[in-house]
Each structure stands twice: as C-alpha cells, then as structure tokens.
N, C-alpha and C. Protein backbone atom coordinates (compact mmCIF):
# COMPACT_ATOMS: atom_id res chain seq x y z
N MET A 1 -1.59 14.79 -8.63
CA MET A 1 -0.79 13.60 -8.38
C MET A 1 0.50 13.73 -9.17
N VAL A 2 1.60 13.71 -8.46
CA VAL A 2 2.91 13.73 -9.10
C VAL A 2 3.32 12.27 -9.30
N LYS A 3 3.63 11.90 -10.54
CA LYS A 3 4.00 10.51 -10.85
C LYS A 3 5.49 10.41 -11.13
N THR A 4 6.01 9.25 -10.88
CA THR A 4 7.41 8.98 -11.19
C THR A 4 7.52 7.67 -11.95
N GLY A 5 8.34 7.65 -12.98
CA GLY A 5 8.56 6.44 -13.74
C GLY A 5 9.27 5.36 -12.95
N ARG A 6 9.87 5.76 -11.83
CA ARG A 6 10.58 4.78 -11.02
C ARG A 6 9.62 3.73 -10.46
N ILE A 7 8.40 4.11 -10.14
CA ILE A 7 7.43 3.12 -9.66
C ILE A 7 7.06 2.18 -10.80
N ASP A 8 6.94 2.71 -12.01
CA ASP A 8 6.70 1.85 -13.17
C ASP A 8 7.81 0.81 -13.29
N GLN A 9 9.05 1.24 -13.15
CA GLN A 9 10.19 0.33 -13.24
C GLN A 9 10.13 -0.73 -12.14
N TYR A 10 9.75 -0.33 -10.94
CA TYR A 10 9.63 -1.29 -9.84
C TYR A 10 8.58 -2.35 -10.20
N ILE A 11 7.42 -1.91 -10.65
CA ILE A 11 6.32 -2.83 -10.95
C ILE A 11 6.69 -3.78 -12.09
N GLU A 12 7.39 -3.27 -13.10
CA GLU A 12 7.71 -4.07 -14.29
C GLU A 12 8.63 -5.26 -14.02
N GLN A 13 9.29 -5.30 -12.89
CA GLN A 13 10.22 -6.39 -12.60
C GLN A 13 9.52 -7.67 -12.12
N PHE A 14 8.21 -7.61 -11.89
CA PHE A 14 7.48 -8.75 -11.34
C PHE A 14 6.65 -9.46 -12.40
N PRO A 15 6.22 -10.70 -12.11
CA PRO A 15 5.34 -11.41 -13.04
C PRO A 15 4.05 -10.61 -13.29
N ARG A 16 3.43 -10.84 -14.42
CA ARG A 16 2.26 -10.06 -14.84
C ARG A 16 1.14 -10.02 -13.79
N ASP A 17 0.83 -11.15 -13.17
CA ASP A 17 -0.24 -11.16 -12.17
C ASP A 17 0.11 -10.25 -11.00
N THR A 18 1.36 -10.29 -10.58
CA THR A 18 1.80 -9.43 -9.48
C THR A 18 1.81 -7.97 -9.92
N GLN A 19 2.24 -7.72 -11.15
CA GLN A 19 2.20 -6.35 -11.68
C GLN A 19 0.79 -5.78 -11.61
N ALA A 20 -0.19 -6.59 -11.99
CA ALA A 20 -1.58 -6.13 -11.98
C ALA A 20 -2.03 -5.76 -10.57
N MET A 21 -1.63 -6.55 -9.59
CA MET A 21 -2.00 -6.26 -8.20
C MET A 21 -1.31 -4.99 -7.71
N LEU A 22 -0.03 -4.84 -8.04
CA LEU A 22 0.69 -3.64 -7.64
C LEU A 22 0.07 -2.40 -8.27
N GLN A 23 -0.29 -2.50 -9.54
CA GLN A 23 -0.92 -1.37 -10.22
C GLN A 23 -2.29 -1.08 -9.61
N GLN A 24 -3.00 -2.10 -9.22
CA GLN A 24 -4.30 -1.93 -8.58
C GLN A 24 -4.14 -1.14 -7.27
N ILE A 25 -3.15 -1.49 -6.47
CA ILE A 25 -2.89 -0.76 -5.23
C ILE A 25 -2.52 0.69 -5.55
N ARG A 26 -1.66 0.87 -6.52
CA ARG A 26 -1.25 2.22 -6.91
C ARG A 26 -2.46 3.07 -7.29
N GLU A 27 -3.36 2.50 -8.08
CA GLU A 27 -4.55 3.23 -8.51
C GLU A 27 -5.49 3.52 -7.35
N LEU A 28 -5.59 2.60 -6.40
CA LEU A 28 -6.41 2.85 -5.20
C LEU A 28 -5.84 4.02 -4.41
N ILE A 29 -4.53 4.06 -4.29
CA ILE A 29 -3.89 5.17 -3.57
C ILE A 29 -4.15 6.47 -4.32
N GLN A 30 -3.96 6.46 -5.63
CA GLN A 30 -4.15 7.67 -6.43
C GLN A 30 -5.58 8.18 -6.33
N SER A 31 -6.56 7.29 -6.32
CA SER A 31 -7.96 7.73 -6.26
C SER A 31 -8.38 8.16 -4.86
N THR A 32 -7.75 7.61 -3.84
CA THR A 32 -8.11 7.94 -2.46
C THR A 32 -7.35 9.16 -1.96
N ALA A 33 -6.13 9.33 -2.42
CA ALA A 33 -5.28 10.45 -1.98
C ALA A 33 -4.70 11.14 -3.21
N ALA A 34 -5.55 11.82 -3.94
CA ALA A 34 -5.15 12.42 -5.22
C ALA A 34 -3.99 13.41 -5.08
N ALA A 35 -3.82 14.02 -3.92
CA ALA A 35 -2.75 15.00 -3.73
C ALA A 35 -1.41 14.35 -3.35
N ALA A 36 -1.41 13.05 -3.16
CA ALA A 36 -0.18 12.36 -2.75
C ALA A 36 0.84 12.34 -3.89
N GLU A 37 2.11 12.36 -3.52
CA GLU A 37 3.20 12.32 -4.48
C GLU A 37 3.85 10.94 -4.46
N GLU A 38 4.06 10.39 -5.65
CA GLU A 38 4.73 9.09 -5.78
C GLU A 38 6.23 9.27 -5.65
N THR A 39 6.85 8.29 -5.02
CA THR A 39 8.30 8.26 -4.92
C THR A 39 8.74 6.83 -4.65
N ILE A 40 10.02 6.62 -4.61
CA ILE A 40 10.58 5.35 -4.16
C ILE A 40 11.34 5.65 -2.88
N SER A 41 11.05 4.90 -1.84
CA SER A 41 11.75 5.05 -0.57
C SER A 41 12.00 3.66 -0.01
N TYR A 42 13.15 3.45 0.56
CA TYR A 42 13.54 2.12 1.03
C TYR A 42 13.50 1.10 -0.12
N GLY A 43 13.63 1.58 -1.36
CA GLY A 43 13.64 0.71 -2.52
C GLY A 43 12.27 0.22 -2.96
N ILE A 44 11.20 0.79 -2.38
CA ILE A 44 9.84 0.34 -2.71
C ILE A 44 8.94 1.53 -3.01
N PRO A 45 7.82 1.30 -3.73
CA PRO A 45 6.90 2.39 -4.02
C PRO A 45 6.36 3.01 -2.73
N SER A 46 6.35 4.33 -2.72
CA SER A 46 5.91 5.07 -1.55
C SER A 46 5.12 6.29 -2.01
N PHE A 47 4.26 6.76 -1.15
CA PHE A 47 3.48 7.96 -1.43
C PHE A 47 3.61 8.91 -0.25
N ARG A 48 3.84 10.19 -0.58
CA ARG A 48 3.95 11.23 0.44
C ARG A 48 2.75 12.16 0.33
N LEU A 49 2.28 12.61 1.49
CA LEU A 49 1.17 13.54 1.55
C LEU A 49 1.50 14.58 2.60
N ASN A 50 1.36 15.83 2.24
CA ASN A 50 1.68 16.93 3.16
C ASN A 50 3.11 16.83 3.68
N GLY A 51 4.02 16.37 2.81
CA GLY A 51 5.42 16.29 3.17
C GLY A 51 5.80 15.10 4.04
N ARG A 52 4.86 14.21 4.30
CA ARG A 52 5.13 13.03 5.15
C ARG A 52 4.70 11.77 4.42
N TYR A 53 5.30 10.65 4.83
CA TYR A 53 4.97 9.39 4.16
C TYR A 53 3.56 8.94 4.52
N LEU A 54 2.79 8.66 3.49
CA LEU A 54 1.43 8.16 3.65
C LEU A 54 1.44 6.64 3.71
N ILE A 55 2.07 6.01 2.73
CA ILE A 55 2.02 4.54 2.62
C ILE A 55 3.17 4.05 1.75
N HIS A 56 3.61 2.84 2.01
CA HIS A 56 4.59 2.13 1.19
C HIS A 56 3.97 0.78 0.84
N PHE A 57 4.36 0.21 -0.29
CA PHE A 57 3.94 -1.15 -0.60
C PHE A 57 5.04 -1.85 -1.38
N ALA A 58 5.08 -3.17 -1.27
CA ALA A 58 6.14 -3.94 -1.91
C ALA A 58 5.67 -5.35 -2.21
N ALA A 59 6.19 -5.91 -3.28
CA ALA A 59 5.86 -7.28 -3.66
C ALA A 59 6.95 -8.23 -3.19
N TYR A 60 6.52 -9.40 -2.79
CA TYR A 60 7.41 -10.48 -2.37
C TYR A 60 6.96 -11.76 -3.06
N LYS A 61 7.60 -12.85 -2.77
CA LYS A 61 7.33 -14.10 -3.47
C LYS A 61 5.87 -14.56 -3.32
N HIS A 62 5.30 -14.39 -2.13
CA HIS A 62 3.96 -14.90 -1.87
C HIS A 62 2.93 -13.85 -1.45
N HIS A 63 3.36 -12.60 -1.32
CA HIS A 63 2.43 -11.58 -0.85
C HIS A 63 2.87 -10.19 -1.28
N ILE A 64 1.96 -9.24 -1.07
CA ILE A 64 2.28 -7.82 -1.19
C ILE A 64 2.13 -7.24 0.21
N GLY A 65 3.17 -6.54 0.64
CA GLY A 65 3.14 -5.91 1.95
C GLY A 65 2.77 -4.44 1.82
N MET A 66 2.02 -3.95 2.80
CA MET A 66 1.67 -2.53 2.84
C MET A 66 2.05 -2.01 4.22
N TYR A 67 2.68 -0.82 4.24
CA TYR A 67 3.21 -0.26 5.47
C TYR A 67 3.03 1.26 5.49
N PRO A 68 2.90 1.95 6.57
CA PRO A 68 2.41 1.38 7.82
C PRO A 68 0.90 1.27 7.76
N VAL A 69 0.38 0.39 8.56
CA VAL A 69 -1.06 0.26 8.70
C VAL A 69 -1.41 0.47 10.17
N PRO A 70 -2.66 0.79 10.45
CA PRO A 70 -3.05 1.02 11.84
C PRO A 70 -2.83 -0.23 12.68
N THR A 71 -2.48 -0.02 13.91
CA THR A 71 -2.34 -1.11 14.86
C THR A 71 -3.27 -0.84 16.03
N GLY A 72 -3.50 -1.82 16.84
CA GLY A 72 -4.34 -1.64 18.01
C GLY A 72 -5.60 -2.48 17.94
N LYS A 73 -6.28 -2.51 19.07
CA LYS A 73 -7.46 -3.35 19.21
C LYS A 73 -8.56 -3.02 18.21
N GLU A 74 -8.70 -1.72 17.89
CA GLU A 74 -9.80 -1.34 17.00
C GLU A 74 -9.65 -1.90 15.59
N PHE A 75 -8.45 -2.34 15.23
CA PHE A 75 -8.23 -2.90 13.89
C PHE A 75 -8.00 -4.41 13.91
N ALA A 76 -7.95 -5.02 15.07
CA ALA A 76 -7.64 -6.45 15.18
C ALA A 76 -8.63 -7.30 14.38
N ALA A 77 -9.91 -7.06 14.52
CA ALA A 77 -10.91 -7.85 13.81
C ALA A 77 -10.84 -7.59 12.30
N THR A 78 -10.62 -6.34 11.94
CA THR A 78 -10.55 -5.95 10.53
C THR A 78 -9.41 -6.67 9.81
N PHE A 79 -8.30 -6.83 10.50
CA PHE A 79 -7.11 -7.42 9.90
C PHE A 79 -6.98 -8.92 10.15
N SER A 80 -7.94 -9.53 10.81
CA SER A 80 -7.79 -10.92 11.26
C SER A 80 -7.60 -11.92 10.12
N ALA A 81 -8.04 -11.61 8.93
CA ALA A 81 -7.91 -12.54 7.80
C ALA A 81 -6.54 -12.46 7.12
N TYR A 82 -5.66 -11.57 7.62
CA TYR A 82 -4.37 -11.34 6.98
C TYR A 82 -3.25 -11.41 7.99
N LYS A 83 -2.08 -11.76 7.51
CA LYS A 83 -0.90 -11.74 8.35
C LYS A 83 -0.50 -10.28 8.58
N THR A 84 -0.19 -9.95 9.81
CA THR A 84 0.26 -8.60 10.15
C THR A 84 1.53 -8.72 10.99
N SER A 85 2.20 -7.60 11.15
CA SER A 85 3.36 -7.58 12.04
C SER A 85 3.21 -6.43 13.00
N GLY A 86 3.92 -6.51 14.10
CA GLY A 86 3.90 -5.45 15.09
C GLY A 86 4.51 -4.16 14.59
N LYS A 87 5.15 -4.22 13.43
CA LYS A 87 5.79 -3.03 12.86
C LYS A 87 4.85 -2.27 11.93
N GLY A 88 3.56 -2.58 11.99
CA GLY A 88 2.61 -1.86 11.18
C GLY A 88 2.53 -2.31 9.74
N ALA A 89 2.66 -3.60 9.50
CA ALA A 89 2.59 -4.14 8.15
C ALA A 89 1.43 -5.11 8.04
N ILE A 90 0.86 -5.17 6.84
CA ILE A 90 -0.15 -6.17 6.53
C ILE A 90 0.27 -6.84 5.23
N HIS A 91 0.02 -8.15 5.14
CA HIS A 91 0.41 -8.93 3.96
C HIS A 91 -0.84 -9.39 3.23
N PHE A 92 -0.90 -9.08 1.94
CA PHE A 92 -1.99 -9.54 1.09
C PHE A 92 -1.46 -10.66 0.20
N PRO A 93 -1.95 -11.90 0.39
CA PRO A 93 -1.45 -13.03 -0.41
C PRO A 93 -1.68 -12.81 -1.90
N LEU A 94 -0.71 -13.25 -2.70
CA LEU A 94 -0.81 -13.09 -4.15
C LEU A 94 -1.88 -13.99 -4.77
N ASP A 95 -2.28 -15.03 -4.05
CA ASP A 95 -3.27 -15.96 -4.60
C ASP A 95 -4.70 -15.61 -4.22
N ARG A 96 -4.91 -14.41 -3.67
CA ARG A 96 -6.26 -13.96 -3.31
C ARG A 96 -6.50 -12.57 -3.89
N PRO A 97 -7.74 -12.23 -4.19
CA PRO A 97 -8.03 -10.88 -4.68
C PRO A 97 -7.67 -9.84 -3.62
N LEU A 98 -7.23 -8.68 -4.07
CA LEU A 98 -6.93 -7.61 -3.13
C LEU A 98 -8.21 -7.10 -2.48
N PRO A 99 -8.17 -6.85 -1.18
CA PRO A 99 -9.35 -6.33 -0.47
C PRO A 99 -9.42 -4.80 -0.63
N GLU A 100 -10.01 -4.35 -1.72
CA GLU A 100 -10.01 -2.93 -2.04
C GLU A 100 -10.62 -2.08 -0.92
N ASP A 101 -11.72 -2.54 -0.34
CA ASP A 101 -12.35 -1.76 0.74
C ASP A 101 -11.42 -1.62 1.94
N LEU A 102 -10.73 -2.69 2.28
CA LEU A 102 -9.79 -2.65 3.39
C LEU A 102 -8.64 -1.70 3.08
N ILE A 103 -8.13 -1.75 1.88
CA ILE A 103 -7.03 -0.85 1.49
C ILE A 103 -7.49 0.60 1.57
N ARG A 104 -8.71 0.89 1.11
CA ARG A 104 -9.24 2.25 1.23
C ARG A 104 -9.36 2.68 2.69
N THR A 105 -9.80 1.76 3.55
CA THR A 105 -9.92 2.06 4.98
C THR A 105 -8.55 2.40 5.57
N ILE A 106 -7.55 1.62 5.21
CA ILE A 106 -6.18 1.88 5.67
C ILE A 106 -5.73 3.26 5.20
N LEU A 107 -5.96 3.55 3.93
CA LEU A 107 -5.55 4.84 3.37
C LEU A 107 -6.28 6.00 4.05
N GLN A 108 -7.58 5.86 4.25
CA GLN A 108 -8.33 6.94 4.90
C GLN A 108 -7.84 7.17 6.32
N TYR A 109 -7.53 6.09 7.02
CA TYR A 109 -6.97 6.24 8.37
C TYR A 109 -5.63 6.98 8.31
N ARG A 110 -4.77 6.55 7.42
CA ARG A 110 -3.45 7.19 7.31
C ARG A 110 -3.59 8.66 6.92
N ILE A 111 -4.49 8.99 6.00
CA ILE A 111 -4.71 10.38 5.61
C ILE A 111 -5.12 11.19 6.83
N SER A 112 -6.01 10.63 7.65
CA SER A 112 -6.48 11.36 8.84
C SER A 112 -5.35 11.63 9.83
N THR A 113 -4.34 10.77 9.85
CA THR A 113 -3.22 10.98 10.79
C THR A 113 -2.23 12.01 10.28
N LEU A 114 -2.30 12.36 9.00
CA LEU A 114 -1.35 13.31 8.41
C LEU A 114 -1.92 14.71 8.26
N ARG A 115 -3.10 14.94 8.76
CA ARG A 115 -3.72 16.28 8.65
C ARG A 115 -3.21 17.19 9.73
C-alpha cells in the first residue's frame, strides 16, 4: 500500500466524527485492496489499482459519498437504504454508522472489474 500524506490533510479538515468515518473507509479500502495506491484526484481521496481508479470518497455536510459504485438491477435492493445517483455514487449519512459489509461488497465488485 502506497500512502500519501495528502489524504491525511484532506481528512484533517473535517470535524472529528467525520474524520473518524473517513479514516474508517480508508482502512476498509486498505484491508480489502492492499495493493491499491492512495492519491488525491478531483480534490478527493482516491485509490488506484492496476493503474486504474478503484474508488473515490469525499465528505460533505450531511454525508460521505463514494464513487463509482455498481449500478443496475442486481444492486438496487442492496443500495435501497441509501441515496444513490445515476452517476455511480452512493451517499452514507453522517448520522448513521458506516455499512462496512456494503463498502466491502462495493470494493470487491470494483476490484473484479479492474482485473
């Protein structure tokens, strides 16, 4: 895992509770995709795997967004408890615990598409 202090700087700009959630996502990515490289892209934390973008995430006032995520009927029920967009984004509200299993599922799907 190649780390960059720039992601630390990104995370540090948010309130402590949000920082903890961002760090939790970062650690989930690191444990699920150990070979991924950390970077900042589009001004947000991003991870590359096999030279391609695996996942991006960003904090906002009321949620953390993760991009891209799978789209299509097979994921509709899985994502039904969260706001999503047609652009492959899912929003995790800041006032709810992060769905670690769902995040791992998203990561595993994305890893499979980059092989």
